[in-house]
Amino acid sequence: MSSVRAAVVSDSYSARLCRAHNDANLIALGGRVMGAELAKRIVDIFLETEFLGQQHAVRIGMFPEIEKRN
């Protein structure tokens, strides 16, 4: 079973980092907070960004244990 790792994103920087560092696989965009062009740019950046792994993978690997406890 794969986990959902969601992030609220309002700019291109956070779109890039939530993928690269947290391996997010879902983003939430505020419909009243940004225009359509910014939303498209954010989605493009999110989809194009690769997970960096390495030290970030250690943190992501902790999620299943945390989920079991909660």
Protein backbone atom coordinates (compact mmCIF):
# COMPACT_ATOMS: atom_id res chain seq x y z
CA MET A 1 0.00 0.00 0.00
CA SER A 2 1.45 3.37 -0.94
CA SER A 3 1.07 6.42 1.24
CA VAL A 4 -0.36 9.78 0.33
CA ARG A 5 2.14 12.56 0.94
CA ALA A 6 0.29 15.81 0.34
CA ALA A 7 1.45 19.42 0.47
CA VAL A 8 -0.32 22.76 0.28
CA VAL A 9 1.57 24.73 -2.35
CA SER A 10 1.30 28.43 -3.14
CA ASP A 11 4.53 29.11 -5.05
CA SER A 12 7.06 27.45 -7.32
CA TYR A 13 9.67 27.15 -4.57
CA SER A 14 7.42 25.10 -2.29
CA ALA A 15 6.28 22.98 -5.27
CA ARG A 16 9.89 22.07 -6.00
CA LEU A 17 10.88 21.38 -2.40
CA CYS A 18 7.85 19.29 -1.46
CA ARG A 19 8.76 16.90 -4.30
CA ALA A 20 12.54 17.00 -3.93
CA HIS A 21 12.68 16.68 -0.14
CA ASN A 22 9.39 15.09 0.94
CA ASP A 23 8.51 13.00 -2.11
CA ALA A 24 5.01 14.52 -2.09
CA ASN A 25 2.67 12.82 -4.51
CA LEU A 26 -0.27 15.20 -4.19
CA ILE A 27 -0.54 18.99 -4.00
CA ALA A 28 -3.39 21.25 -2.96
CA LEU A 29 -3.75 24.67 -4.56
CA GLY A 30 -5.99 27.46 -3.28
CA GLY A 31 -8.47 28.41 -5.99
CA ARG A 32 -8.99 31.90 -4.65
CA VAL A 33 -5.35 32.47 -3.78
CA MET A 34 -3.67 32.31 -7.18
CA GLY A 35 -4.35 32.82 -10.84
CA ALA A 36 -4.58 30.11 -13.46
CA GLU A 37 -1.15 30.76 -14.96
CA LEU A 38 0.64 30.49 -11.62
CA ALA A 39 -1.31 27.31 -10.84
CA LYS A 40 -0.23 25.78 -14.17
CA ARG A 41 3.39 26.74 -13.54
CA ILE A 42 3.29 25.22 -10.04
CA VAL A 43 1.82 21.96 -11.37
CA ASP A 44 4.46 21.78 -14.11
CA ILE A 45 7.28 22.29 -11.61
CA PHE A 46 5.79 19.71 -9.25
CA LEU A 47 5.49 17.10 -12.02
CA GLU A 48 8.98 17.76 -13.40
CA THR A 49 10.81 17.65 -10.05
CA GLU A 50 12.46 14.39 -8.98
CA PHE A 51 12.73 13.16 -5.41
CA LEU A 52 16.34 13.65 -4.29
CA GLY A 53 16.38 10.60 -2.04
CA GLN A 54 19.53 10.24 0.07
CA GLN A 55 19.11 11.88 3.49
CA HIS A 56 15.49 12.73 2.66
CA ALA A 57 14.69 9.06 2.08
CA VAL A 58 15.53 8.30 5.70
CA ARG A 59 12.79 10.68 6.86
CA ILE A 60 10.28 9.33 4.34
CA GLY A 61 11.11 5.81 5.51
CA MET A 62 9.96 6.77 9.01
CA PHE A 63 6.40 7.53 7.89
CA PRO A 64 5.01 3.95 7.97
CA GLU A 65 6.15 3.49 11.58
CA ILE A 66 4.61 6.81 12.60
CA GLU A 67 1.37 5.85 10.85
CA LYS A 68 1.26 2.52 12.73
CA ARG A 69 1.58 4.30 16.08
CA ASN A 70 -1.21 6.72 15.25
